[in-house]
Amino acid sequence: MKDYYVYKLASGKHGTLYIGVTNDLARRIDEHKTGAAPGFTEKYDVKSLVWYEVHQSIEVAIQREKSLKRWYRQWTIDQIEMTNPGWLDLYDSLV
């Protein structure tokens, strides 16, 4: 069974945030980091993976992404700080 990921990137602690969904987290984060994914993350230098969760269904993952995008900013910050208080880049733990 394939995994799907909802993830949050940040430009720095309490910086610009981005929420996305993918079926290959390491590949997708690499695309953000290298600029192969042009757009918002490239424009605002949002490259640090600070949070992610795994889902077994793409439909559930997409619904979760949409839900997270409606959250107040402080809720998102609180969620990141619960599991990653130092806002460390989690990308290295993937590869």
C-alpha atoms as a PDB file:
ATOM      1  CA  MET A   1       0.000   0.000   0.000  1.00  0.00           C
ATOM      2  CA  LYS A   2       1.314   3.447  -0.929  1.00  0.00           C
ATOM      3  CA  ASP A   3       1.844   6.235   1.624  1.00  0.00           C
ATOM      4  CA  TYR A   4       0.822   9.856   1.128  1.00  0.00           C
ATOM      5  CA  TYR A   5       2.258  12.768   3.054  1.00  0.00           C
ATOM      6  CA  VAL A   6       0.943  16.110   4.210  1.00  0.00           C
ATOM      7  CA  TYR A   7       3.865  18.379   5.022  1.00  0.00           C
ATOM      8  CA  LYS A   8       4.761  21.853   6.223  1.00  0.00           C
ATOM      9  CA  LEU A   9       7.740  23.868   5.079  1.00  0.00           C
ATOM     10  CA  ALA A  10       9.059  27.046   6.687  1.00  0.00           C
ATOM     11  CA  SER A  11      11.481  29.780   5.710  1.00  0.00           C
ATOM     12  CA  GLY A  12      12.650  29.844   9.338  1.00  0.00           C
ATOM     13  CA  LYS A  13      11.256  29.815  12.852  1.00  0.00           C
ATOM     14  CA  HIS A  14       7.887  31.604  12.746  1.00  0.00           C
ATOM     15  CA  GLY A  15       8.643  32.521   9.121  1.00  0.00           C
ATOM     16  CA  THR A  16       6.676  31.999   5.937  1.00  0.00           C
ATOM     17  CA  LEU A  17       4.829  28.666   5.884  1.00  0.00           C
ATOM     18  CA  TYR A  18       3.762  26.321   3.111  1.00  0.00           C
ATOM     19  CA  ILE A  19       1.518  23.247   3.313  1.00  0.00           C
ATOM     20  CA  GLY A  20       1.547  20.567   0.637  1.00  0.00           C
ATOM     21  CA  VAL A  21       0.721  16.936  -0.143  1.00  0.00           C
ATOM     22  CA  THR A  22       2.753  14.306  -2.011  1.00  0.00           C
ATOM     23  CA  ASN A  23       3.246  10.578  -2.486  1.00  0.00           C
ATOM     24  CA  ASP A  24       7.064  10.844  -2.298  1.00  0.00           C
ATOM     25  CA  LEU A  25       8.138  13.146   0.502  1.00  0.00           C
ATOM     26  CA  ALA A  26      11.920  12.999  -0.007  1.00  0.00           C
ATOM     27  CA  ARG A  27      11.619  13.699  -3.746  1.00  0.00           C
ATOM     28  CA  ARG A  28       9.157  16.548  -3.259  1.00  0.00           C
ATOM     29  CA  ILE A  29      11.200  18.265  -0.551  1.00  0.00           C
ATOM     30  CA  ASP A  30      14.285  17.933  -2.739  1.00  0.00           C
ATOM     31  CA  GLU A  31      12.355  19.688  -5.523  1.00  0.00           C
ATOM     32  CA  HIS A  32      11.539  22.553  -3.144  1.00  0.00           C
ATOM     33  CA  LYS A  33      15.140  22.789  -1.929  1.00  0.00           C
ATOM     34  CA  THR A  34      16.710  22.808  -5.402  1.00  0.00           C
ATOM     35  CA  GLY A  35      14.197  25.183  -6.972  1.00  0.00           C
ATOM     36  CA  ALA A  36      12.823  22.492  -9.280  1.00  0.00           C
ATOM     37  CA  ALA A  37       9.370  23.371  -7.897  1.00  0.00           C
ATOM     38  CA  PRO A  38       8.950  26.969  -9.064  1.00  0.00           C
ATOM     39  CA  GLY A  39       6.336  29.123  -7.418  1.00  0.00           C
ATOM     40  CA  PHE A  40       5.554  30.136  -3.863  1.00  0.00           C
ATOM     41  CA  THR A  41       8.287  28.193  -2.069  1.00  0.00           C
ATOM     42  CA  GLU A  42      10.972  29.381  -4.453  1.00  0.00           C
ATOM     43  CA  LYS A  43       9.790  32.997  -4.358  1.00  0.00           C
ATOM     44  CA  TYR A  44       9.701  33.133  -0.543  1.00  0.00           C
ATOM     45  CA  ASP A  45      12.668  30.785   0.121  1.00  0.00           C
ATOM     46  CA  VAL A  46      10.508  28.259   1.991  1.00  0.00           C
ATOM     47  CA  LYS A  47      12.688  25.136   2.059  1.00  0.00           C
ATOM     48  CA  SER A  48      12.855  23.690   5.563  1.00  0.00           C
ATOM     49  CA  LEU A  49      10.680  20.630   6.266  1.00  0.00           C
ATOM     50  CA  VAL A  50       9.373  21.254   9.794  1.00  0.00           C
ATOM     51  CA  TRP A  51       6.406  18.855  10.054  1.00  0.00           C
ATOM     52  CA  TYR A  52       4.757  15.992   8.211  1.00  0.00           C
ATOM     53  CA  GLU A  53       2.272  13.181   8.692  1.00  0.00           C
ATOM     54  CA  VAL A  54       1.582   9.972   6.780  1.00  0.00           C
ATOM     55  CA  HIS A  55      -1.764   8.823   5.357  1.00  0.00           C
ATOM     56  CA  GLN A  56      -2.788   5.628   3.596  1.00  0.00           C
ATOM     57  CA  SER A  57      -5.253   7.303   1.244  1.00  0.00           C
ATOM     58  CA  ILE A  58      -4.703  10.195  -1.155  1.00  0.00           C
ATOM     59  CA  GLU A  59      -8.262  11.364  -0.538  1.00  0.00           C
ATOM     60  CA  VAL A  60      -7.650  11.581   3.214  1.00  0.00           C
ATOM     61  CA  ALA A  61      -4.308  13.325   2.680  1.00  0.00           C
ATOM     62  CA  ILE A  62      -5.836  15.932   0.359  1.00  0.00           C
ATOM     63  CA  GLN A  63      -8.711  16.545   2.765  1.00  0.00           C
ATOM     64  CA  ARG A  64      -6.225  16.978   5.634  1.00  0.00           C
ATOM     65  CA  GLU A  65      -4.139  19.422   3.568  1.00  0.00           C
ATOM     66  CA  LYS A  66      -7.240  21.491   2.797  1.00  0.00           C
ATOM     67  CA  SER A  67      -8.227  21.466   6.455  1.00  0.00           C
ATOM     68  CA  LEU A  68      -4.759  22.580   7.614  1.00  0.00           C
ATOM     69  CA  LYS A  69      -4.764  25.427   5.102  1.00  0.00           C
ATOM     70  CA  ARG A  70      -7.892  26.817   6.800  1.00  0.00           C
ATOM     71  CA  TRP A  71      -6.255  26.860  10.253  1.00  0.00           C
ATOM     72  CA  TYR A  72      -5.273  30.039  12.025  1.00  0.00           C
ATOM     73  CA  ARG A  73      -1.536  30.658  11.712  1.00  0.00           C
ATOM     74  CA  GLN A  74      -1.013  30.236  15.469  1.00  0.00           C
ATOM     75  CA  TRP A  75      -2.593  26.758  15.368  1.00  0.00           C
ATOM     76  CA  THR A  76      -0.078  25.763  12.695  1.00  0.00           C
ATOM     77  CA  ILE A  77       2.828  27.166  14.704  1.00  0.00           C
ATOM     78  CA  ASP A  78       1.602  25.340  17.813  1.00  0.00           C
ATOM     79  CA  GLN A  79       1.362  22.057  15.878  1.00  0.00           C
ATOM     80  CA  ILE A  80       4.926  22.419  14.585  1.00  0.00           C
ATOM     81  CA  GLU A  81       6.291  23.329  18.010  1.00  0.00           C
ATOM     82  CA  MET A  82       4.602  20.317  19.669  1.00  0.00           C
ATOM     83  CA  THR A  83       6.704  17.882  17.624  1.00  0.00           C
ATOM     84  CA  ASN A  84       9.606  20.064  16.457  1.00  0.00           C
ATOM     85  CA  PRO A  85      10.178  22.866  19.001  1.00  0.00           C
ATOM     86  CA  GLY A  86      13.524  23.823  17.461  1.00  0.00           C
ATOM     87  CA  TRP A  87      12.047  24.078  13.968  1.00  0.00           C
ATOM     88  CA  LEU A  88      14.763  21.709  12.748  1.00  0.00           C
ATOM     89  CA  ASP A  89      14.834  20.715   9.082  1.00  0.00           C
ATOM     90  CA  LEU A  90      13.545  17.125   9.068  1.00  0.00           C
ATOM     91  CA  TYR A  91      14.670  16.479   5.486  1.00  0.00           C
ATOM     92  CA  ASP A  92      17.946  14.825   6.524  1.00  0.00           C
ATOM     93  CA  SER A  93      16.035  12.196   8.504  1.00  0.00           C
ATOM     94  CA  LEU A  94      14.257  11.149   5.269  1.00  0.00           C
ATOM     95  CA  VAL A  95      17.292  10.440   3.092  1.00  0.00           C
END
